[in-house]
Amino acid sequence: MLRPIRNEKQYDKALATAYRLMQTKLRAGSPEADELDVLAMLIERYEAERYPITPPHPIDAIKFRMDQLGLKPSDLGRVLGYRSRASEIMRGKRKLTLDMIRTLHEKLNIPVESLVARY
């Protein structure tokens, strides 16, 4: 019987059961597939409550995305339209404006949540 996960022992058991179910070929809509779906939701909820992941600092998010795209600091200046401001932002001397946040989200596909976190 499926129940909410309230402690580490129940969490470990749910993970083991989910792993076991994932090792089999489940038919969509079968009772086992449904059990795996519900277990995944319970595990996800427990992890979100017990081990929350906070968004990165905006500068770290920008650096990470630039690295993924192979961009250099000078490229950020071109994206934002302000070479000197881009440098100030990356050094933490200037905060992002709303227009900059929009531009970074639209042009570099950086999640807005990451650009406004802990600012």
Protein backbone atom coordinates (compact mmCIF):
# COMPACT_ATOMS: atom_id res chain seq x y z
CA MET A 1 0.00 0.00 0.00
CA LEU A 2 1.37 3.42 -0.96
CA ARG A 3 1.61 6.04 1.76
CA PRO A 4 3.27 9.43 2.14
CA ILE A 5 7.00 9.28 2.78
CA ARG A 6 7.74 10.73 6.22
CA ASN A 7 11.26 9.57 7.08
CA GLU A 8 14.54 8.32 5.60
CA LYS A 9 13.69 4.66 6.12
CA GLN A 10 10.47 5.03 4.12
CA TYR A 11 12.33 7.11 1.54
CA ASP A 12 15.00 4.41 1.09
CA LYS A 13 12.30 1.75 0.73
CA ALA A 14 10.44 3.85 -1.85
CA LEU A 15 13.67 4.36 -3.83
CA ALA A 16 14.40 0.63 -3.79
CA THR A 17 10.88 -0.19 -4.96
CA ALA A 18 11.02 2.43 -7.70
CA TYR A 19 14.39 1.11 -8.85
CA ARG A 20 13.07 -2.44 -8.94
CA LEU A 21 10.05 -1.35 -10.99
CA MET A 22 12.24 0.60 -13.41
CA GLN A 23 14.26 -2.53 -14.13
CA THR A 24 11.22 -4.28 -15.61
CA LYS A 25 9.40 -3.65 -18.85
CA LEU A 26 6.22 -1.99 -17.66
CA ARG A 27 3.12 -1.77 -19.78
CA ALA A 28 1.61 1.72 -19.80
CA GLY A 29 -1.47 1.74 -17.61
CA SER A 30 -0.56 -1.46 -15.80
CA PRO A 31 -0.86 -1.53 -11.99
CA GLU A 32 2.96 -1.65 -11.74
CA ALA A 33 3.36 1.37 -14.05
CA ASP A 34 0.78 3.26 -11.99
CA GLU A 35 2.62 2.30 -8.80
CA LEU A 36 5.88 3.65 -10.25
CA ASP A 37 4.19 6.91 -11.26
CA VAL A 38 2.76 7.43 -7.76
CA LEU A 39 6.05 6.45 -6.11
CA ALA A 40 7.90 8.96 -8.28
CA MET A 41 5.52 11.72 -7.14
CA LEU A 42 5.92 10.75 -3.48
CA ILE A 43 9.71 10.62 -3.80
CA GLU A 44 9.80 13.97 -5.59
CA ARG A 45 7.66 15.60 -2.90
CA TYR A 46 9.79 14.19 -0.08
CA GLU A 47 13.01 15.33 -1.77
CA ALA A 48 11.63 18.83 -2.43
CA GLU A 49 10.68 19.21 1.23
CA ARG A 50 13.73 17.52 2.72
CA TYR A 51 16.46 18.57 0.27
CA PRO A 52 15.38 21.86 -1.35
CA ILE A 53 17.59 23.17 -4.13
CA THR A 54 17.93 26.93 -4.14
CA PRO A 55 18.51 28.80 -7.38
CA PRO A 56 22.09 29.89 -8.06
CA HIS A 57 23.29 33.46 -7.64
CA PRO A 58 22.46 35.39 -10.84
CA ILE A 59 26.13 35.90 -11.74
CA ASP A 60 26.79 32.18 -11.36
CA ALA A 61 23.79 31.42 -13.59
CA ILE A 62 25.11 33.81 -16.26
CA LYS A 63 28.64 32.33 -16.08
CA PHE A 64 27.27 28.79 -16.29
CA ARG A 65 25.14 29.56 -19.35
CA MET A 66 27.97 31.45 -21.04
CA ASP A 67 30.23 28.44 -20.48
CA GLN A 68 27.59 26.12 -21.93
CA LEU A 69 27.33 28.30 -25.04
CA GLY A 70 31.08 28.88 -25.33
CA LEU A 71 30.68 32.64 -24.88
CA LYS A 72 33.38 35.01 -23.68
CA PRO A 73 32.87 38.02 -21.39
CA SER A 74 33.00 40.30 -24.44
CA ASP A 75 30.04 38.36 -25.91
CA LEU A 76 27.97 39.26 -22.86
CA GLY A 77 28.61 42.93 -23.57
CA ARG A 78 27.24 42.45 -27.07
CA VAL A 79 24.18 40.58 -25.76
CA LEU A 80 23.38 43.30 -23.24
CA GLY A 81 24.50 46.16 -25.47
CA TYR A 82 26.77 47.57 -22.75
CA ARG A 83 30.33 46.26 -22.69
CA SER A 84 31.33 48.21 -19.57
CA ARG A 85 28.13 47.35 -17.71
CA ALA A 86 28.53 43.68 -18.50
CA SER A 87 31.96 43.80 -16.87
CA GLU A 88 30.55 45.60 -13.82
CA ILE A 89 27.76 43.04 -13.51
CA MET A 90 30.13 40.11 -13.69
CA ARG A 91 32.32 41.66 -10.98
CA GLY A 92 29.28 42.28 -8.76
CA LYS A 93 29.61 46.08 -8.97
CA ARG A 94 26.25 46.60 -10.69
CA LYS A 95 22.91 44.86 -10.34
CA LEU A 96 20.89 43.57 -13.26
CA THR A 97 18.10 45.81 -14.46
CA LEU A 98 14.71 44.46 -15.46
CA ASP A 99 15.59 45.03 -19.14
CA MET A 100 18.85 43.11 -18.71
CA ILE A 101 17.02 40.23 -17.04
CA ARG A 102 14.56 40.09 -19.94
CA THR A 103 17.38 40.21 -22.49
CA LEU A 104 19.38 37.46 -20.77
CA HIS A 105 16.27 35.31 -20.52
CA GLU A 106 15.27 35.84 -24.15
CA LYS A 107 18.70 35.72 -25.82
CA LEU A 108 20.57 33.23 -23.62
CA ASN A 109 17.56 31.28 -22.31
CA ILE A 110 18.56 31.75 -18.67
CA PRO A 111 15.60 31.06 -16.37
CA VAL A 112 14.21 34.26 -14.84
CA GLU A 113 14.17 32.58 -11.42
CA SER A 114 17.95 32.26 -11.61
CA LEU A 115 18.42 35.89 -12.61
CA VAL A 116 16.41 37.33 -9.72
CA ALA A 117 17.41 34.88 -6.99
CA ARG A 118 19.16 36.31 -3.92
CA TYR A 119 19.71 39.67 -5.53
